[in-house]
Amino acid sequence: MAEASDREFDYLRNRALKAKSRSPIERVANFLLAIASINASEGRDPLIVTGNVSSGDVAERLDMSIDTLADALLSLRQGGLIDVSDHVLRIRNIAGLESMAANGPAQSCQREAVRHFSR
């Protein structure tokens, strides 16, 4: 079972990193979705990411600096997609995170604005 999770994580991480043209926010969103998927497959809460990996390790895996990782996490937090406290990250809006991962911040913000003003 652990090997299958490792393969799935590698696949999802590689998908998140496949294009250098992806923004740091897109790469972080994809990474968090990969963790959520693995958590769900292992029977854990997919919306909770615990601090069993250091920021340095995550930044290295995503090929970015710790400062860039921090900026991306701050943007996701300010967008209401995640909450961060101590050693726990909670995904608050998985659909929004999926949209951010697929389309990047500009298109996701445009879609939210259209939804907001069309009410």
PDB file of N, CA and C in Angstrom:
ATOM      1  N   MET A   1       0.829  -1.195   0.000  1.00  0.00           N
ATOM      2  CA  MET A   1       0.000   0.000   0.000  1.00  0.00           C
ATOM      3  C   MET A   1       0.872   1.257   0.000  1.00  0.00           C
ATOM      4  N   ALA A   2       1.953   1.227   0.768  1.00  0.00           N
ATOM      5  CA  ALA A   2       2.834   2.392   0.835  1.00  0.00           C
ATOM      6  C   ALA A   2       3.475   2.661  -0.512  1.00  0.00           C
ATOM      7  N   GLU A   3       3.822   1.603  -1.254  1.00  0.00           N
ATOM      8  CA  GLU A   3       4.424   1.786  -2.569  1.00  0.00           C
ATOM      9  C   GLU A   3       3.443   2.460  -3.527  1.00  0.00           C
ATOM     10  N   ALA A   4       2.188   2.079  -3.466  1.00  0.00           N
ATOM     11  CA  ALA A   4       1.176   2.695  -4.328  1.00  0.00           C
ATOM     12  C   ALA A   4       1.024   4.172  -3.994  1.00  0.00           C
ATOM     13  N   SER A   5       1.035   4.502  -2.711  1.00  0.00           N
ATOM     14  CA  SER A   5       0.942   5.907  -2.302  1.00  0.00           C
ATOM     15  C   SER A   5       2.156   6.690  -2.773  1.00  0.00           C
ATOM     16  N   ASP A   6       3.335   6.068  -2.661  1.00  0.00           N
ATOM     17  CA  ASP A   6       4.554   6.736  -3.134  1.00  0.00           C
ATOM     18  C   ASP A   6       4.491   6.992  -4.632  1.00  0.00           C
ATOM     19  N   ARG A   7       4.020   6.001  -5.388  1.00  0.00           N
ATOM     20  CA  ARG A   7       3.902   6.175  -6.847  1.00  0.00           C
ATOM     21  C   ARG A   7       2.895   7.267  -7.177  1.00  0.00           C
ATOM     22  N   GLU A   8       1.754   7.269  -6.468  1.00  0.00           N
ATOM     23  CA  GLU A   8       0.745   8.294  -6.714  1.00  0.00           C
ATOM     24  C   GLU A   8       1.292   9.676  -6.381  1.00  0.00           C
ATOM     25  N   PHE A   9       1.985   9.787  -5.256  1.00  0.00           N
ATOM     26  CA  PHE A   9       2.565  11.065  -4.869  1.00  0.00           C
ATOM     27  C   PHE A   9       3.569  11.529  -5.917  1.00  0.00           C
ATOM     28  N   ASP A  10       4.450  10.625  -6.359  1.00  0.00           N
ATOM     29  CA  ASP A  10       5.436  10.992  -7.381  1.00  0.00           C
ATOM     30  C   ASP A  10       4.758  11.451  -8.664  1.00  0.00           C
ATOM     31  N   TYR A  11       3.710  10.734  -9.071  1.00  0.00           N
ATOM     32  CA  TYR A  11       2.984  11.120 -10.286  1.00  0.00           C
ATOM     33  C   TYR A  11       2.381  12.517 -10.132  1.00  0.00           C
ATOM     34  N   LEU A  12       1.702  12.736  -9.023  1.00  0.00           N
ATOM     35  CA  LEU A  12       1.042  14.026  -8.816  1.00  0.00           C
ATOM     36  C   LEU A  12       2.059  15.149  -8.645  1.00  0.00           C
ATOM     37  N   ARG A  13       3.159  14.878  -7.963  1.00  0.00           N
ATOM     38  CA  ARG A  13       4.204  15.891  -7.803  1.00  0.00           C
ATOM     39  C   ARG A  13       4.828  16.217  -9.149  1.00  0.00           C
ATOM     40  N   ASN A  14       5.095  15.191  -9.944  1.00  0.00           N
ATOM     41  CA  ASN A  14       5.675  15.430 -11.271  1.00  0.00           C
ATOM     42  C   ASN A  14       4.719  16.214 -12.156  1.00  0.00           C
ATOM     43  N   ARG A  15       3.435  15.932 -12.029  1.00  0.00           N
ATOM     44  CA  ARG A  15       2.443  16.697 -12.789  1.00  0.00           C
ATOM     45  C   ARG A  15       2.469  18.161 -12.357  1.00  0.00           C
ATOM     46  N   ALA A  16       2.632  18.389 -11.068  1.00  0.00           N
ATOM     47  CA  ALA A  16       2.681  19.762 -10.561  1.00  0.00           C
ATOM     48  C   ALA A  16       3.921  20.493 -11.045  1.00  0.00           C
ATOM     49  N   LEU A  17       4.991  19.757 -11.280  1.00  0.00           N
ATOM     50  CA  LEU A  17       6.257  20.380 -11.666  1.00  0.00           C
ATOM     51  C   LEU A  17       6.533  20.319 -13.162  1.00  0.00           C
ATOM     52  N   LYS A  18       5.658  19.674 -13.932  1.00  0.00           N
ATOM     53  CA  LYS A  18       5.988  19.359 -15.326  1.00  0.00           C
ATOM     54  C   LYS A  18       6.325  20.570 -16.173  1.00  0.00           C
ATOM     55  N   ALA A  19       5.754  21.697 -15.863  1.00  0.00           N
ATOM     56  CA  ALA A  19       6.036  22.885 -16.669  1.00  0.00           C
ATOM     57  C   ALA A  19       6.590  23.981 -15.775  1.00  0.00           C
ATOM     58  N   LYS A  20       7.775  24.459 -16.117  1.00  0.00           N
ATOM     59  CA  LYS A  20       8.363  25.563 -15.360  1.00  0.00           C
ATOM     60  C   LYS A  20       7.526  26.821 -15.523  1.00  0.00           C
ATOM     61  N   SER A  21       6.699  26.848 -16.560  1.00  0.00           N
ATOM     62  CA  SER A  21       5.889  28.035 -16.799  1.00  0.00           C
ATOM     63  C   SER A  21       4.752  28.171 -15.790  1.00  0.00           C
ATOM     64  N   ARG A  22       4.495  27.134 -15.007  1.00  0.00           N
ATOM     65  CA  ARG A  22       3.446  27.229 -13.985  1.00  0.00           C
ATOM     66  C   ARG A  22       3.894  28.178 -12.881  1.00  0.00           C
ATOM     67  N   SER A  23       2.965  28.954 -12.395  1.00  0.00           N
ATOM     68  CA  SER A  23       3.283  29.894 -11.325  1.00  0.00           C
ATOM     69  C   SER A  23       3.544  29.135 -10.025  1.00  0.00           C
ATOM     70  N   PRO A  24       4.246  29.749  -9.080  1.00  0.00           N
ATOM     71  CA  PRO A  24       4.453  29.104  -7.784  1.00  0.00           C
ATOM     72  C   PRO A  24       3.128  28.745  -7.104  1.00  0.00           C
ATOM     73  N   ILE A  25       2.127  29.593  -7.244  1.00  0.00           N
ATOM     74  CA  ILE A  25       0.831  29.302  -6.623  1.00  0.00           C
ATOM     75  C   ILE A  25       0.223  28.042  -7.226  1.00  0.00           C
ATOM     76  N   GLU A  26       0.320  27.896  -8.548  1.00  0.00           N
ATOM     77  CA  GLU A  26      -0.203  26.690  -9.199  1.00  0.00           C
ATOM     78  C   GLU A  26       0.539  25.451  -8.711  1.00  0.00           C
ATOM     79  N   ARG A  27       1.861  25.549  -8.589  1.00  0.00           N
ATOM     80  CA  ARG A  27       2.650  24.399  -8.147  1.00  0.00           C
ATOM     81  C   ARG A  27       2.317  24.031  -6.704  1.00  0.00           C
ATOM     82  N   VAL A  28       2.158  25.033  -5.843  1.00  0.00           N
ATOM     83  CA  VAL A  28       1.807  24.753  -4.446  1.00  0.00           C
ATOM     84  C   VAL A  28       0.397  24.169  -4.368  1.00  0.00           C
ATOM     85  N   ALA A  29      -0.536  24.711  -5.122  1.00  0.00           N
ATOM     86  CA  ALA A  29      -1.901  24.184  -5.124  1.00  0.00           C
ATOM     87  C   ALA A  29      -1.907  22.723  -5.568  1.00  0.00           C
ATOM     88  N   ASN A  30      -1.178  22.396  -6.632  1.00  0.00           N
ATOM     89  CA  ASN A  30      -1.088  21.008  -7.093  1.00  0.00           C
ATOM     90  C   ASN A  30      -0.465  20.111  -6.032  1.00  0.00           C
ATOM     91  N   PHE A  31       0.556  20.604  -5.367  1.00  0.00           N
ATOM     92  CA  PHE A  31       1.215  19.841  -4.310  1.00  0.00           C
ATOM     93  C   PHE A  31       0.235  19.540  -3.175  1.00  0.00           C
ATOM     94  N   LEU A  32      -0.520  20.550  -2.757  1.00  0.00           N
ATOM     95  CA  LEU A  32      -1.492  20.346  -1.670  1.00  0.00           C
ATOM     96  C   LEU A  32      -2.585  19.371  -2.084  1.00  0.00           C
ATOM     97  N   LEU A  33      -3.004  19.440  -3.347  1.00  0.00           N
ATOM     98  CA  LEU A  33      -4.003  18.491  -3.841  1.00  0.00           C
ATOM     99  C   LEU A  33      -3.448  17.070  -3.869  1.00  0.00           C
ATOM    100  N   ALA A  34      -2.156  16.930  -4.187  1.00  0.00           N
ATOM    101  CA  ALA A  34      -1.527  15.610  -4.167  1.00  0.00           C
ATOM    102  C   ALA A  34      -1.526  15.047  -2.751  1.00  0.00           C
ATOM    103  N   ILE A  35      -1.168  15.877  -1.783  1.00  0.00           N
ATOM    104  CA  ILE A  35      -1.177  15.446  -0.380  1.00  0.00           C
ATOM    105  C   ILE A  35      -2.599  15.068   0.046  1.00  0.00           C
ATOM    106  N   ALA A  36      -3.581  15.881  -0.344  1.00  0.00           N
ATOM    107  CA  ALA A  36      -4.979  15.594   0.000  1.00  0.00           C
ATOM    108  C   ALA A  36      -5.413  14.248  -0.576  1.00  0.00           C
ATOM    109  N   SER A  37      -5.020  13.973  -1.803  1.00  0.00           N
ATOM    110  CA  SER A  37      -5.365  12.708  -2.449  1.00  0.00           C
ATOM    111  C   SER A  37      -4.746  11.526  -1.720  1.00  0.00           C
ATOM    112  N   ILE A  38      -3.494  11.666  -1.348  1.00  0.00           N
ATOM    113  CA  ILE A  38      -2.820  10.594  -0.612  1.00  0.00           C
ATOM    114  C   ILE A  38      -3.475  10.396   0.749  1.00  0.00           C
ATOM    115  N   ASN A  39      -3.766  11.487   1.448  1.00  0.00           N
ATOM    116  CA  ASN A  39      -4.435  11.378   2.749  1.00  0.00           C
ATOM    117  C   ASN A  39      -5.754  10.633   2.615  1.00  0.00           C
ATOM    118  N   ALA A  40      -6.543  10.977   1.603  1.00  0.00           N
ATOM    119  CA  ALA A  40      -7.841  10.320   1.401  1.00  0.00           C
ATOM    120  C   ALA A  40      -7.649   8.826   1.125  1.00  0.00           C
ATOM    121  N   SER A  41      -6.663   8.484   0.299  1.00  0.00           N
ATOM    122  CA  SER A  41      -6.445   7.073  -0.038  1.00  0.00           C
ATOM    123  C   SER A  41      -5.959   6.266   1.160  1.00  0.00           C
ATOM    124  N   GLU A  42      -5.374   6.945   2.149  1.00  0.00           N
ATOM    125  CA  GLU A  42      -4.891   6.272   3.350  1.00  0.00           C
ATOM    126  C   GLU A  42      -5.862   6.394   4.522  1.00  0.00           C
ATOM    127  N   GLY A  43      -7.068   6.894   4.261  1.00  0.00           N
ATOM    128  CA  GLY A  43      -8.097   6.961   5.288  1.00  0.00           C
ATOM    129  C   GLY A  43      -7.987   8.140   6.234  1.00  0.00           C
ATOM    130  N   ARG A  44      -7.114   9.111   5.906  1.00  0.00           N
ATOM    131  CA  ARG A  44      -6.990  10.309   6.742  1.00  0.00           C
ATOM    132  C   ARG A  44      -7.849  11.418   6.152  1.00  0.00           C
ATOM    133  N   ASP A  45      -8.061  12.455   6.934  1.00  0.00           N
ATOM    134  CA  ASP A  45      -8.821  13.612   6.477  1.00  0.00           C
ATOM    135  C   ASP A  45      -8.050  14.283   5.345  1.00  0.00           C
ATOM    136  N   PRO A  46      -8.623  14.334   4.140  1.00  0.00           N
ATOM    137  CA  PRO A  46      -7.899  14.924   3.012  1.00  0.00           C
ATOM    138  C   PRO A  46      -7.727  16.437   3.124  1.00  0.00           C
ATOM    139  N   LEU A  47      -8.491  17.075   3.987  1.00  0.00           N
ATOM    140  CA  LEU A  47      -8.430  18.529   4.106  1.00  0.00           C
ATOM    141  C   LEU A  47      -7.407  19.001   5.137  1.00  0.00           C
ATOM    142  N   ILE A  48      -6.739  18.064   5.799  1.00  0.00           N
ATOM    143  CA  ILE A  48      -5.743  18.402   6.819  1.00  0.00           C
ATOM    144  C   ILE A  48      -4.371  17.934   6.334  1.00  0.00           C
ATOM    145  N   VAL A  49      -3.433  18.877   6.288  1.00  0.00           N
ATOM    146  CA  VAL A  49      -2.046  18.561   5.946  1.00  0.00           C
ATOM    147  C   VAL A  49      -1.222  18.863   7.184  1.00  0.00           C
ATOM    148  N   THR A  50      -0.629  17.821   7.759  1.00  0.00           N
ATOM    149  CA  THR A  50       0.155  18.012   8.976  1.00  0.00           C
ATOM    150  C   THR A  50       1.597  18.316   8.630  1.00  0.00           C
ATOM    151  N   GLY A  51       2.300  18.855   9.607  1.00  0.00           N
ATOM    152  CA  GLY A  51       3.666  19.320   9.401  1.00  0.00           C
ATOM    153  C   GLY A  51       4.719  18.246   9.530  1.00  0.00           C
ATOM    154  N   ASN A  52       4.569  17.141   8.799  1.00  0.00           N
ATOM    155  CA  ASN A  52       5.593  16.102   8.875  1.00  0.00           C
ATOM    156  C   ASN A  52       6.675  16.285   7.808  1.00  0.00           C
ATOM    157  N   VAL A  53       6.608  17.377   7.049  1.00  0.00           N
ATOM    158  CA  VAL A  53       7.621  17.723   6.061  1.00  0.00           C
ATOM    159  C   VAL A  53       7.977  19.192   6.278  1.00  0.00           C
ATOM    160  N   SER A  54       9.267  19.500   6.248  1.00  0.00           N
ATOM    161  CA  SER A  54       9.681  20.878   6.505  1.00  0.00           C
ATOM    162  C   SER A  54       9.405  21.774   5.297  1.00  0.00           C
ATOM    163  N   SER A  55       9.310  23.059   5.546  1.00  0.00           N
ATOM    164  CA  SER A  55       9.116  24.031   4.468  1.00  0.00           C
ATOM    165  C   SER A  55      10.252  23.951   3.460  1.00  0.00           C
ATOM    166  N   GLY A  56      11.460  23.734   3.959  1.00  0.00           N
ATOM    167  CA  GLY A  56      12.610  23.607   3.072  1.00  0.00           C
ATOM    168  C   GLY A  56      12.482  22.431   2.131  1.00  0.00           C
ATOM    169  N   ASP A  57      11.979  21.301   2.659  1.00  0.00           N
ATOM    170  CA  ASP A  57      11.783  20.117   1.816  1.00  0.00           C
ATOM    171  C   ASP A  57      10.720  20.373   0.754  1.00  0.00           C
ATOM    172  N   VAL A  58       9.621  20.997   1.156  1.00  0.00           N
ATOM    173  CA  VAL A  58       8.546  21.290   0.196  1.00  0.00           C
ATOM    174  C   VAL A  58       9.051  22.251  -0.869  1.00  0.00           C
ATOM    175  N   ALA A  59       9.726  23.310  -0.460  1.00  0.00           N
ATOM    176  CA  ALA A  59      10.260  24.282  -1.425  1.00  0.00           C
ATOM    177  C   ALA A  59      11.211  23.599  -2.401  1.00  0.00           C
ATOM    178  N   GLU A  60      12.056  22.723  -1.892  1.00  0.00           N
ATOM    179  CA  GLU A  60      12.996  22.015  -2.763  1.00  0.00           C
ATOM    180  C   GLU A  60      12.260  21.113  -3.740  1.00  0.00           C
ATOM    181  N   ARG A  61      11.262  20.382  -3.264  1.00  0.00           N
ATOM    182  CA  ARG A  61      10.484  19.492  -4.135  1.00  0.00           C
ATOM    183  C   ARG A  61       9.769  20.270  -5.235  1.00  0.00           C
ATOM    184  N   LEU A  62       9.351  21.500  -4.910  1.00  0.00           N
ATOM    185  CA  LEU A  62       8.619  22.314  -5.880  1.00  0.00           C
ATOM    186  C   LEU A  62       9.527  23.254  -6.658  1.00  0.00           C
ATOM    187  N   ASP A  63      10.827  23.133  -6.430  1.00  0.00           N
ATOM    188  CA  ASP A  63      11.824  23.918  -7.145  1.00  0.00           C
ATOM    189  C   ASP A  63      11.580  25.419  -6.994  1.00  0.00           C
ATOM    190  N   MET A  64      11.491  25.845  -5.718  1.00  0.00           N
ATOM    191  CA  MET A  64      11.314  27.267  -5.417  1.00  0.00           C
ATOM    192  C   MET A  64      11.992  27.575  -4.097  1.00  0.00           C
ATOM    193  N   SER A  65      12.200  28.848  -3.833  1.00  0.00           N
ATOM    194  CA  SER A  65      12.786  29.254  -2.556  1.00  0.00           C
ATOM    195  C   SER A  65      11.737  29.176  -1.452  1.00  0.00           C
ATOM    196  N   ILE A  66      12.207  29.169  -0.223  1.00  0.00           N
ATOM    197  CA  ILE A  66      11.283  29.167   0.916  1.00  0.00           C
ATOM    198  C   ILE A  66      10.453  30.450   0.906  1.00  0.00           C
ATOM    199  N   ASP A  67      11.058  31.570   0.532  1.00  0.00           N
ATOM    200  CA  ASP A  67      10.317  32.833   0.461  1.00  0.00           C
ATOM    201  C   ASP A  67       9.195  32.757  -0.570  1.00  0.00           C
ATOM    202  N   THR A  68       9.471  32.158  -1.718  1.00  0.00           N
ATOM    203  CA  THR A  68       8.445  32.012  -2.757  1.00  0.00           C
ATOM    204  C   THR A  68       7.336  31.093  -2.274  1.00  0.00           C
ATOM    205  N   LEU A  69       7.699  30.014  -1.581  1.00  0.00           N
ATOM    206  CA  LEU A  69       6.703  29.109  -1.001  1.00  0.00           C
ATOM    207  C   LEU A  69       5.832  29.866  -0.001  1.00  0.00           C
ATOM    208  N   ALA A  70       6.461  30.657   0.859  1.00  0.00           N
ATOM    209  CA  ALA A  70       5.717  31.426   1.860  1.00  0.00           C
ATOM    210  C   ALA A  70       4.760  32.407   1.186  1.00  0.00           C
ATOM    211  N   ASP A  71       5.218  33.064   0.126  1.00  0.00           N
ATOM    212  CA  ASP A  71       4.355  34.002  -0.609  1.00  0.00           C
ATOM    213  C   ASP A  71       3.161  33.281  -1.230  1.00  0.00           C
ATOM    214  N   ALA A  72       3.400  32.108  -1.808  1.00  0.00           N
ATOM    215  CA  ALA A  72       2.320  31.340  -2.430  1.00  0.00           C
ATOM    216  C   ALA A  72       1.309  30.897  -1.374  1.00  0.00           C
ATOM    217  N   LEU A  73       1.796  30.408  -0.238  1.00  0.00           N
ATOM    218  CA  LEU A  73       0.886  29.993   0.842  1.00  0.00           C
ATOM    219  C   LEU A  73       0.095  31.178   1.379  1.00  0.00           C
ATOM    220  N   LEU A  74       0.738  32.340   1.489  1.00  0.00           N
ATOM    221  CA  LEU A  74       0.046  33.539   1.947  1.00  0.00           C
ATOM    222  C   LEU A  74      -1.063  33.922   0.966  1.00  0.00           C
ATOM    223  N   SER A  75      -0.769  33.849  -0.314  1.00  0.00           N
ATOM    224  CA  SER A  75      -1.789  34.166  -1.332  1.00  0.00           C
ATOM    225  C   SER A  75      -2.965  33.206  -1.245  1.00  0.00           C
ATOM    226  N   LEU A  76      -2.681  31.924  -1.070  1.00  0.00           N
ATOM    227  CA  LEU A  76      -3.757  30.935  -0.949  1.00  0.00           C
ATOM    228  C   LEU A  76      -4.572  31.179   0.322  1.00  0.00           C
ATOM    229  N   ARG A  77      -3.887  31.567   1.390  1.00  0.00           N
ATOM    230  CA  ARG A  77      -4.580  31.872   2.651  1.00  0.00           C
ATOM    231  C   ARG A  77      -5.457  33.112   2.503  1.00  0.00           C
ATOM    232  N   GLN A  78      -4.902  34.155   1.906  1.00  0.00           N
ATOM    233  CA  GLN A  78      -5.665  35.393   1.716  1.00  0.00           C
ATOM    234  C   GLN A  78      -6.854  35.181   0.777  1.00  0.00           C
ATOM    235  N   GLY A  79      -6.736  34.225  -0.121  1.00  0.00           N
ATOM    236  CA  GLY A  79      -7.825  33.901  -1.034  1.00  0.00           C
ATOM    237  C   GLY A  79      -8.884  33.006  -0.404  1.00  0.00           C
ATOM    238  N   GLY A  80      -8.682  32.638   0.870  1.00  0.00           N
ATOM    239  CA  GLY A  80      -9.668  31.815   1.569  1.00  0.00           C
ATOM    240  C   GLY A  80      -9.608  30.345   1.199  1.00  0.00           C
ATOM    241  N   LEU A  81      -8.513  29.914   0.563  1.00  0.00           N
ATOM    242  CA  LEU A  81      -8.409  28.527   0.128  1.00  0.00           C
ATOM    243  C   LEU A  81      -7.803  27.618   1.188  1.00  0.00           C
ATOM    244  N   ILE A  82      -6.950  28.181   2.050  1.00  0.00           N
ATOM    245  CA  ILE A  82      -6.311  27.396   3.111  1.00  0.00           C
ATOM    246  C   ILE A  82      -6.254  28.214   4.395  1.00  0.00           C
ATOM    247  N   ASP A  83      -6.074  27.517   5.506  1.00  0.00           N
ATOM    248  CA  ASP A  83      -5.751  28.114   6.801  1.00  0.00           C
ATOM    249  C   ASP A  83      -4.466  27.457   7.269  1.00  0.00           C
ATOM    250  N   VAL A  84      -3.614  28.214   7.900  1.00  0.00           N
ATOM    251  CA  VAL A  84      -2.351  27.682   8.404  1.00  0.00           C
ATOM    252  C   VAL A  84      -2.234  28.037   9.877  1.00  0.00           C
ATOM    253  N   SER A  85      -1.916  27.027  10.697  1.00  0.00           N
ATOM    254  CA  SER A  85      -1.660  27.260  12.117  1.00  0.00           C
ATOM    255  C   SER A  85      -0.650  26.234  12.595  1.00  0.00           C
ATOM    256  N   ASP A  86       0.299  26.688  13.375  1.00  0.00           N
ATOM    257  CA  ASP A  86       1.372  25.835  13.909  1.00  0.00           C
ATOM    258  C   ASP A  86       1.867  24.837  12.855  1.00  0.00           C
ATOM    259  N   HIS A  87       1.597  23.571  13.052  1.00  0.00           N
ATOM    260  CA  HIS A  87       2.093  22.541  12.136  1.00  0.00           C
ATOM    261  C   HIS A  87       0.968  21.894  11.342  1.00  0.00           C
ATOM    262  N   VAL A  88      -0.142  22.621  11.170  1.00  0.00           N
ATOM    263  CA  VAL A  88      -1.290  22.075  10.451  1.00  0.00           C
ATOM    264  C   VAL A  88      -1.751  23.064   9.401  1.00  0.00           C
ATOM    265  N   LEU A  89      -1.978  22.553   8.216  1.00  0.00           N
ATOM    266  CA  LEU A  89      -2.559  23.346   7.136  1.00  0.00           C
ATOM    267  C   LEU A  89      -3.914  22.716   6.820  1.00  0.00           C
ATOM    268  N   ARG A  90      -4.955  23.532   6.797  1.00  0.00           N
ATOM    269  CA  ARG A  90      -6.301  23.035   6.509  1.00  0.00           C
ATOM    270  C   ARG A  90      -6.749  23.602   5.168  1.00  0.00           C
ATOM    271  N   ILE A  91      -7.168  22.723   4.273  1.00  0.00           N
ATOM    272  CA  ILE A  91      -7.733  23.151   3.000  1.00  0.00           C
ATOM    273  C   ILE A  91      -9.181  23.548   3.263  1.00  0.00           C
ATOM    274  N   ARG A  92      -9.519  24.814   3.000  1.00  0.00           N
ATOM    275  CA  ARG A  92     -10.862  25.326   3.260  1.00  0.00           C
ATOM    276  C   ARG A  92     -11.758  25.250   2.034  1.00  0.00           C
ATOM    277  N   ASN A  93     -11.166  25.310   0.859  1.00  0.00           N
ATOM    278  CA  ASN A  93     -11.953  25.347  -0.373  1.00  0.00           C
ATOM    279  C   ASN A  93     -11.242  24.499  -1.421  1.00  0.00           C
ATOM    280  N   ILE A  94     -11.566  23.207  -1.453  1.00  0.00           N
ATOM    281  CA  ILE A  94     -10.851  22.306  -2.354  1.00  0.00           C
ATOM    282  C   ILE A  94     -11.168  22.607  -3.809  1.00  0.00           C
ATOM    283  N   ALA A  95     -12.408  23.003  -4.105  1.00  0.00           N
ATOM    284  CA  ALA A  95     -12.759  23.347  -5.495  1.00  0.00           C
ATOM    285  C   ALA A  95     -11.974  24.572  -5.952  1.00  0.00           C
ATOM    286  N   GLY A  96     -11.833  25.544  -5.074  1.00  0.00           N
ATOM    287  CA  GLY A  96     -11.052  26.729  -5.405  1.00  0.00           C
ATOM    288  C   GLY A  96      -9.580  26.395  -5.589  1.00  0.00           C
ATOM    289  N   LEU A  97      -9.072  25.483  -4.768  1.00  0.00           N
ATOM    290  CA  LEU A  97      -7.687  25.056  -4.887  1.00  0.00           C
ATOM    291  C   LEU A  97      -7.470  24.302  -6.204  1.00  0.00           C
ATOM    292  N   GLU A  98      -8.441  23.466  -6.576  1.00  0.00           N
ATOM    293  CA  GLU A  98      -8.360  22.754  -7.860  1.00  0.00           C
ATOM    294  C   GLU A  98      -8.372  23.737  -9.023  1.00  0.00           C
ATOM    295  N   SER A  99      -9.198  24.755  -8.928  1.00  0.00           N
ATOM    296  CA  SER A  99      -9.255  25.778  -9.971  1.00  0.00           C
ATOM    297  C   SER A  99      -7.932  26.530 -10.063  1.00  0.00           C
ATOM    298  N   MET A 100      -7.376  26.864  -8.922  1.00  0.00           N
ATOM    299  CA  MET A 100      -6.095  27.568  -8.881  1.00  0.00           C
ATOM    300  C   MET A 100      -4.999  26.694  -9.485  1.00  0.00           C
ATOM    301  N   ALA A 101      -5.014  25.408  -9.170  1.00  0.00           N
ATOM    302  CA  ALA A 101      -4.008  24.485  -9.692  1.00  0.00           C
ATOM    303  C   ALA A 101      -4.113  24.336 -11.205  1.00  0.00           C
ATOM    304  N   ALA A 102      -5.323  24.345 -11.715  1.00  0.00           N
ATOM    305  CA  ALA A 102      -5.535  24.124 -13.147  1.00  0.00           C
ATOM    306  C   ALA A 102      -5.378  25.386 -13.978  1.00  0.00           C
ATOM    307  N   ASN A 103      -5.771  26.509 -13.426  1.00  0.00           N
ATOM    308  CA  ASN A 103      -5.873  27.726 -14.229  1.00  0.00           C
ATOM    309  C   ASN A 103      -4.984  28.868 -13.792  1.00  0.00           C
ATOM    310  N   GLY A 104      -4.388  28.779 -12.634  1.00  0.00           N
ATOM    311  CA  GLY A 104      -3.548  29.867 -12.152  1.00  0.00           C
ATOM    312  C   GLY A 104      -4.353  30.945 -11.470  1.00  0.00           C
ATOM    313  N   PRO A 105      -3.675  31.845 -10.802  1.00  0.00           N
ATOM    314  CA  PRO A 105      -4.354  32.856  -9.996  1.00  0.00           C
ATOM    315  C   PRO A 105      -5.182  33.845 -10.805  1.00  0.00           C
ATOM    316  N   ALA A 106      -4.725  34.274 -11.950  1.00  0.00           N
ATOM    317  CA  ALA A 106      -5.450  35.307 -12.704  1.00  0.00           C
ATOM    318  C   ALA A 106      -6.807  34.800 -13.163  1.00  0.00           C
ATOM    319  N   GLN A 107      -6.844  33.621 -13.784  1.00  0.00           N
ATOM    320  CA  GLN A 107      -8.114  33.098 -14.284  1.00  0.00           C
ATOM    321  C   GLN A 107      -9.046  32.719 -13.145  1.00  0.00           C
ATOM    322  N   SER A 108      -8.507  32.196 -12.053  1.00  0.00           N
ATOM    323  CA  SER A 108      -9.345  31.846 -10.911  1.00  0.00           C
ATOM    324  C   SER A 108      -9.987  33.090 -10.315  1.00  0.00           C
ATOM    325  N   CYS A 109      -9.226  34.176 -10.200  1.00  0.00           N
ATOM    326  CA  CYS A 109      -9.770  35.432  -9.667  1.00  0.00           C
ATOM    327  C   CYS A 109     -10.824  36.002 -10.606  1.00  0.00           C
ATOM    328  N   GLN A 110     -10.589  35.925 -11.906  1.00  0.00           N
ATOM    329  CA  GLN A 110     -11.581  36.417 -12.868  1.00  0.00           C
ATOM    330  C   GLN A 110     -12.877  35.638 -12.741  1.00  0.00           C
ATOM    331  N   ARG A 111     -12.777  34.309 -12.607  1.00  0.00           N
ATOM    332  CA  ARG A 111     -13.972  33.477 -12.499  1.00  0.00           C
ATOM    333  C   ARG A 111     -14.736  33.811 -11.225  1.00  0.00           C
ATOM    334  N   GLU A 112     -14.028  34.034 -10.114  1.00  0.00           N
ATOM    335  CA  GLU A 112     -14.683  34.399  -8.852  1.00  0.00           C
ATOM    336  C   GLU A 112     -15.382  35.744  -8.984  1.00  0.00           C
ATOM    337  N   ALA A 113     -14.746  36.706  -9.661  1.00  0.00           N
ATOM    338  CA  ALA A 113     -15.358  38.028  -9.841  1.00  0.00           C
ATOM    339  C   ALA A 113     -16.624  37.927 -10.677  1.00  0.00           C
ATOM    340  N   VAL A 114     -16.587  37.145 -11.732  1.00  0.00           N
ATOM    341  CA  VAL A 114     -17.776  36.973 -12.574  1.00  0.00           C
ATOM    342  C   VAL A 114     -18.896  36.335 -11.763  1.00  0.00           C
ATOM    343  N   ARG A 115     -18.582  35.309 -10.974  1.00  0.00           N
ATOM    344  CA  ARG A 115     -19.581  34.664 -10.143  1.00  0.00           C
ATOM    345  C   ARG A 115     -20.173  35.641  -9.133  1.00  0.00           C
ATOM    346  N   HIS A 116     -19.319  36.471  -8.533  1.00  0.00           N
ATOM    347  CA  HIS A 116     -19.761  37.413  -7.514  1.00  0.00           C
ATOM    348  C   HIS A 116     -20.701  38.471  -8.120  1.00  0.00           C
ATOM    349  N   PHE A 117     -20.336  39.022  -9.268  1.00  0.00           N
ATOM    350  CA  PHE A 117     -21.115  40.115  -9.836  1.00  0.00           C
ATOM    351  C   PHE A 117     -22.325  39.653 -10.634  1.00  0.00           C
ATOM    352  N   SER A 118     -22.428  38.350 -10.903  1.00  0.00           N
ATOM    353  CA  SER A 118     -23.570  37.872 -11.669  1.00  0.00           C
ATOM    354  C   SER A 118     -24.698  37.409 -10.762  1.00  0.00           C
ATOM    355  N   ARG A 119     -24.555  37.611  -9.486  1.00  0.00           N
ATOM    356  CA  ARG A 119     -25.606  37.216  -8.526  1.00  0.00           C
ATOM    357  C   ARG A 119     -26.747  38.182  -8.548  1.00  0.00           C
TER     358      ARG A 119
END
